[in-house]
Amino acid sequence: MGETVTFWVLAVVSVAAALGLVFSRKAVYSALMLGVVMLSLAVLYAVQDAPFLAAVQIIVYTGAVMMLFLFVLMLVGVDSSDSLVETLRGQRFWAFVAGLGFAALLALGFGNVAFTAATGMGAINETGNVPSLAQAIFTRYVFAFEVTSALLITAALGAMVLAHRERAEAKTTQKDLSRARFKAFAETGANPAPLPGPGTYARHNAVDMPALLPDGSVSKLSVNRHLARHTETEAPEAPVAEITEGETSK
């Protein structure tokens, strides 16, 4: 009874998330819906006595592959619109062929479920869940898994190519920045030297303690204007040591 209830609840959730994945107009929402579908599949695997598949579904697909999708979205940009210009010749034709192939695979999958007797998990896990799964992956479904890995690598490389931007101008060097400062000094009289750090030559190391100039006056440039608490007054004079008569005679 519990297995049946879990299946119908997760079936409704996963189908609804899959529809949201397809019809959502924002890529981030589609990625989140895909995460919901993957987590639902993981719970269904656990209910069907396939703990290894459930762990792999969460760690590999929900964790790694999902992060790959989000990484691609961050590189390409969530606000970037899809280009309707065909950059590859015959792109629509091959997309139509791929759609027909996917529809044929769906038809074969439904036909296999409808007209073939189901094999119980007891018979499949007769030699153990992990050995049976490894044998199926590396013998019967090895080509499908290799193609999937190639698609993931292609997606990562495609994200790098789409996110790459050529520099329109050369990178500014330290010499260029120095020349710009002195040019501004010649035109507007701005200070060409770097600003003194807070607390430089001061008696305290607080960020609101101004720096002292060589003549002993306060540098108002050394403290942020929002912290200009001590800049209005001059720095306190250094205590003068008392000189005794014996030291004067010396």
Protein backbone atom coordinates (compact mmCIF):
# COMPACT_ATOMS: atom_id res chain seq x y z
CA MET A 1 0.00 0.00 0.00
CA GLY A 2 2.80 2.40 0.91
CA GLU A 3 4.66 1.67 -2.32
CA THR A 4 1.52 2.33 -4.38
CA VAL A 5 0.79 5.64 -2.63
CA THR A 6 4.42 6.74 -3.04
CA PHE A 7 4.36 5.87 -6.72
CA TRP A 8 1.17 7.81 -7.51
CA VAL A 9 2.22 10.86 -5.50
CA LEU A 10 5.67 11.02 -7.07
CA ALA A 11 4.26 10.22 -10.51
CA VAL A 12 2.00 13.27 -10.35
CA VAL A 13 4.84 15.45 -9.01
CA SER A 14 7.37 14.27 -11.60
CA VAL A 15 4.94 14.63 -14.55
CA ALA A 16 3.92 18.12 -13.39
CA ALA A 17 7.59 19.10 -13.00
CA ALA A 18 8.37 17.66 -16.44
CA LEU A 19 5.59 19.74 -18.01
CA GLY A 20 6.90 22.81 -16.19
CA LEU A 21 10.36 21.99 -17.51
CA VAL A 22 9.11 21.95 -21.10
CA PHE A 23 6.72 24.91 -21.01
CA SER A 24 8.64 27.27 -18.70
CA ARG A 25 9.92 30.38 -20.47
CA LYS A 26 12.81 30.96 -18.06
CA ALA A 27 15.83 28.68 -18.14
CA VAL A 28 16.37 28.86 -14.36
CA TYR A 29 12.83 27.62 -13.68
CA SER A 30 13.34 24.79 -16.16
CA ALA A 31 16.54 23.77 -14.37
CA LEU A 32 14.74 23.73 -11.01
CA MET A 33 11.92 21.64 -12.46
CA LEU A 34 14.52 19.22 -13.79
CA GLY A 35 15.91 18.89 -10.25
CA VAL A 36 12.45 17.99 -8.97
CA VAL A 37 12.11 15.28 -11.63
CA MET A 38 15.52 13.83 -10.74
CA LEU A 39 14.75 13.73 -7.01
CA SER A 40 11.41 12.03 -7.70
CA LEU A 41 13.17 9.37 -9.76
CA ALA A 42 15.66 8.81 -6.95
CA VAL A 43 12.87 8.14 -4.46
CA LEU A 44 11.17 5.77 -6.91
CA TYR A 45 14.45 3.86 -7.32
CA ALA A 46 14.78 3.54 -3.55
CA VAL A 47 11.20 2.24 -3.26
CA GLN A 48 11.89 -0.36 -5.99
CA ASP A 49 14.80 -1.87 -3.98
CA ALA A 50 17.52 -0.19 -6.07
CA PRO A 51 19.51 1.80 -3.49
CA PHE A 52 22.58 2.15 -5.70
CA LEU A 53 20.54 3.72 -8.50
CA ALA A 54 18.89 6.08 -6.00
CA ALA A 55 22.28 7.21 -4.65
CA VAL A 56 23.70 7.66 -8.15
CA GLN A 57 20.61 9.60 -9.22
CA ILE A 58 21.10 12.08 -6.36
CA ILE A 59 24.91 12.31 -6.37
CA VAL A 60 25.64 12.18 -10.09
CA TYR A 61 22.56 13.56 -11.83
CA THR A 62 21.00 15.86 -9.24
CA GLY A 63 24.39 16.95 -7.96
CA ALA A 64 26.89 16.93 -10.85
CA VAL A 65 24.76 17.13 -14.00
CA MET A 66 22.39 19.66 -12.46
CA MET A 67 25.34 21.82 -11.45
CA LEU A 68 26.62 21.54 -15.01
CA PHE A 69 23.33 22.92 -16.33
CA LEU A 70 23.41 25.80 -13.85
CA PHE A 71 27.05 26.46 -14.76
CA VAL A 72 26.06 26.75 -18.41
CA LEU A 73 23.23 29.13 -17.49
CA MET A 74 25.61 31.33 -15.50
CA LEU A 75 28.11 31.46 -18.36
CA VAL A 76 25.63 32.09 -21.14
CA GLY A 77 23.34 34.33 -19.10
CA VAL A 78 19.74 33.82 -18.01
CA ASP A 79 18.60 36.93 -19.87
CA SER A 80 20.14 35.99 -23.22
CA SER A 81 17.50 35.42 -25.87
CA ASP A 82 17.61 32.50 -28.27
CA SER A 83 18.86 33.36 -31.73
CA LEU A 84 16.51 32.35 -34.55
CA VAL A 85 19.26 32.61 -37.17
CA GLU A 86 20.51 29.25 -38.42
CA THR A 87 24.27 29.19 -38.02
CA LEU A 88 24.52 25.60 -39.31
CA ARG A 89 23.18 24.60 -42.71
CA GLY A 90 20.37 22.06 -42.49
CA GLN A 91 19.88 22.64 -38.76
CA ARG A 92 16.08 22.41 -38.90
CA PHE A 93 16.15 19.25 -41.02
CA TRP A 94 18.45 17.38 -38.61
CA ALA A 95 16.43 18.65 -35.66
CA PHE A 96 13.32 17.16 -37.31
CA VAL A 97 15.15 13.84 -37.86
CA ALA A 98 16.28 13.81 -34.22
CA GLY A 99 12.68 14.46 -33.14
CA LEU A 100 11.45 11.52 -35.20
CA GLY A 101 14.14 9.29 -33.71
CA PHE A 102 13.16 10.33 -30.18
CA ALA A 103 9.50 9.63 -30.95
CA ALA A 104 10.46 6.18 -32.26
CA LEU A 105 12.38 5.46 -29.06
CA LEU A 106 9.37 6.47 -26.97
CA ALA A 107 7.12 4.22 -29.03
CA LEU A 108 9.49 1.27 -28.62
CA GLY A 109 9.73 1.91 -24.87
CA PHE A 110 5.95 1.97 -24.42
CA GLY A 111 5.59 -1.10 -26.63
CA ASN A 112 8.20 -2.96 -24.60
CA VAL A 113 6.32 -2.19 -21.39
CA ALA A 114 2.90 -3.03 -22.81
CA PHE A 115 3.65 -6.27 -24.67
CA THR A 116 6.52 -7.76 -22.65
CA ALA A 117 6.22 -9.41 -19.28
CA ALA A 118 7.85 -7.41 -16.52
CA THR A 119 10.90 -8.82 -14.79
CA GLY A 120 10.85 -8.48 -11.01
CA MET A 121 13.61 -6.87 -9.02
CA GLY A 122 14.23 -10.17 -7.29
CA ALA A 123 15.34 -11.79 -10.55
CA ILE A 124 17.42 -8.76 -11.55
CA ASN A 125 19.16 -8.50 -8.17
CA GLU A 126 19.82 -12.22 -8.00
CA THR A 127 23.59 -11.65 -8.16
CA GLY A 128 23.42 -8.33 -6.29
CA ASN A 129 22.17 -4.89 -7.24
CA VAL A 130 25.56 -3.35 -8.04
CA PRO A 131 27.00 -6.31 -10.06
CA SER A 132 23.79 -6.65 -12.08
CA LEU A 133 23.75 -2.92 -12.79
CA ALA A 134 27.43 -2.90 -13.80
CA GLN A 135 26.90 -5.82 -16.15
CA ALA A 136 23.95 -4.06 -17.82
CA ILE A 137 25.81 -0.75 -18.17
CA PHE A 138 29.04 -2.14 -19.60
CA THR A 139 27.47 -4.72 -21.91
CA ARG A 140 23.99 -3.93 -23.18
CA TYR A 141 23.84 -0.15 -22.61
CA VAL A 142 27.50 0.79 -23.01
CA PHE A 143 26.91 2.71 -26.26
CA ALA A 144 24.08 4.79 -24.76
CA PHE A 145 26.21 5.76 -21.74
CA GLU A 146 29.18 6.70 -23.93
CA VAL A 147 26.95 8.90 -26.09
CA THR A 148 25.54 10.55 -22.95
CA SER A 149 29.05 11.34 -21.66
CA ALA A 150 29.98 12.82 -25.05
CA LEU A 151 26.87 15.02 -24.93
CA LEU A 152 27.78 16.32 -21.46
CA ILE A 153 31.32 17.18 -22.57
CA THR A 154 29.91 18.89 -25.66
CA ALA A 155 27.57 20.95 -23.46
CA ALA A 156 30.47 22.12 -21.28
CA LEU A 157 32.59 23.02 -24.33
CA GLY A 158 29.64 24.80 -25.93
CA ALA A 159 29.13 26.88 -22.79
CA MET A 160 32.79 27.94 -22.86
CA VAL A 161 32.54 28.91 -26.55
CA LEU A 162 29.31 30.87 -26.05
CA ALA A 163 30.62 32.68 -22.97
CA HIS A 164 33.93 33.67 -24.55
CA ARG A 165 34.16 37.36 -25.39
CA GLU A 166 36.99 38.98 -27.30
CA ARG A 167 38.48 42.12 -25.79
CA ALA A 168 37.55 45.22 -27.77
CA GLU A 169 40.48 47.13 -26.27
CA ALA A 170 43.83 46.20 -24.83
CA LYS A 171 44.04 45.61 -21.09
CA THR A 172 45.05 48.71 -19.15
CA THR A 173 48.52 48.39 -17.63
CA GLN A 174 50.02 50.08 -14.57
CA LYS A 175 51.98 52.45 -16.84
CA ASP A 176 48.76 53.55 -18.56
CA LEU A 177 47.08 54.16 -15.22
CA SER A 178 50.07 56.20 -14.01
CA ARG A 179 50.05 58.31 -17.17
CA ALA A 180 46.32 58.92 -16.78
CA ARG A 181 46.81 60.12 -13.19
CA PHE A 182 49.52 62.59 -14.15
CA LYS A 183 47.48 63.77 -17.13
CA ALA A 184 44.56 64.46 -14.79
CA PHE A 185 46.98 66.28 -12.45
CA ALA A 186 48.14 68.53 -15.32
CA GLU A 187 44.57 69.29 -16.40
CA THR A 188 42.59 69.52 -13.16
CA GLY A 189 45.24 69.54 -10.44
CA ALA A 190 44.07 66.21 -8.99
CA ASN A 191 46.43 64.40 -6.67
CA PRO A 192 48.47 62.00 -8.86
CA ALA A 193 49.82 59.97 -5.95
CA PRO A 194 47.88 57.13 -4.31
CA LEU A 195 45.83 58.14 -1.32
CA PRO A 196 47.42 57.49 2.09
CA GLY A 197 46.08 54.54 3.99
CA PRO A 198 43.99 55.05 7.15
CA GLY A 199 46.07 55.13 10.31
CA THR A 200 49.38 55.76 8.52
CA TYR A 201 51.75 57.65 10.85
CA ALA A 202 48.90 57.83 13.37
CA ARG A 203 48.88 56.85 17.03
CA HIS A 204 46.06 54.35 16.54
CA ASN A 205 45.33 51.69 13.94
CA ALA A 206 41.59 52.39 13.59
CA VAL A 207 40.21 53.01 10.11
CA ASP A 208 38.71 56.34 11.24
CA MET A 209 42.06 57.66 12.49
CA PRO A 210 43.49 60.02 9.84
CA ALA A 211 47.02 59.94 8.56
CA LEU A 212 49.47 62.69 9.44
CA LEU A 213 51.29 64.64 6.79
CA PRO A 214 55.03 65.41 7.15
CA ASP A 215 54.22 68.79 8.71
CA GLY A 216 52.09 67.12 11.37
CA SER A 217 48.70 68.17 9.95
CA VAL A 218 45.83 65.80 9.34
CA SER A 219 45.29 64.33 5.87
CA LYS A 220 41.54 64.36 5.29
CA LEU A 221 41.99 62.17 2.23
CA SER A 222 43.02 59.20 4.37
CA VAL A 223 39.59 58.66 5.97
CA ASN A 224 36.32 57.94 4.25
CA ARG A 225 33.93 60.89 4.41
CA HIS A 226 31.35 58.76 6.22
CA LEU A 227 33.90 58.07 8.98
CA ALA A 228 35.36 61.57 9.13
CA ARG A 229 35.07 61.78 12.89
CA HIS A 230 38.61 62.81 13.74
CA THR A 231 39.48 64.76 10.59
CA GLU A 232 37.90 68.01 11.73
CA THR A 233 40.43 68.46 14.50
CA GLU A 234 44.16 68.44 14.32
CA ALA A 235 45.98 65.47 15.67
CA PRO A 236 47.00 65.74 19.31
CA GLU A 237 50.49 66.93 19.86
CA ALA A 238 53.07 64.46 21.00
CA PRO A 239 53.85 64.66 24.72
CA VAL A 240 57.03 66.62 25.39
CA ALA A 241 59.44 64.89 27.70
CA GLU A 242 60.47 66.84 30.77
CA ILE A 243 64.14 67.85 30.83
CA THR A 244 65.88 67.96 34.17
CA GLU A 245 68.67 70.36 35.14
CA GLY A 246 71.19 67.54 35.10
CA GLU A 247 70.34 66.70 31.50
CA THR A 248 70.56 70.41 30.57
CA SER A 249 74.03 70.73 31.97
CA LYS A 250 75.07 67.70 30.02
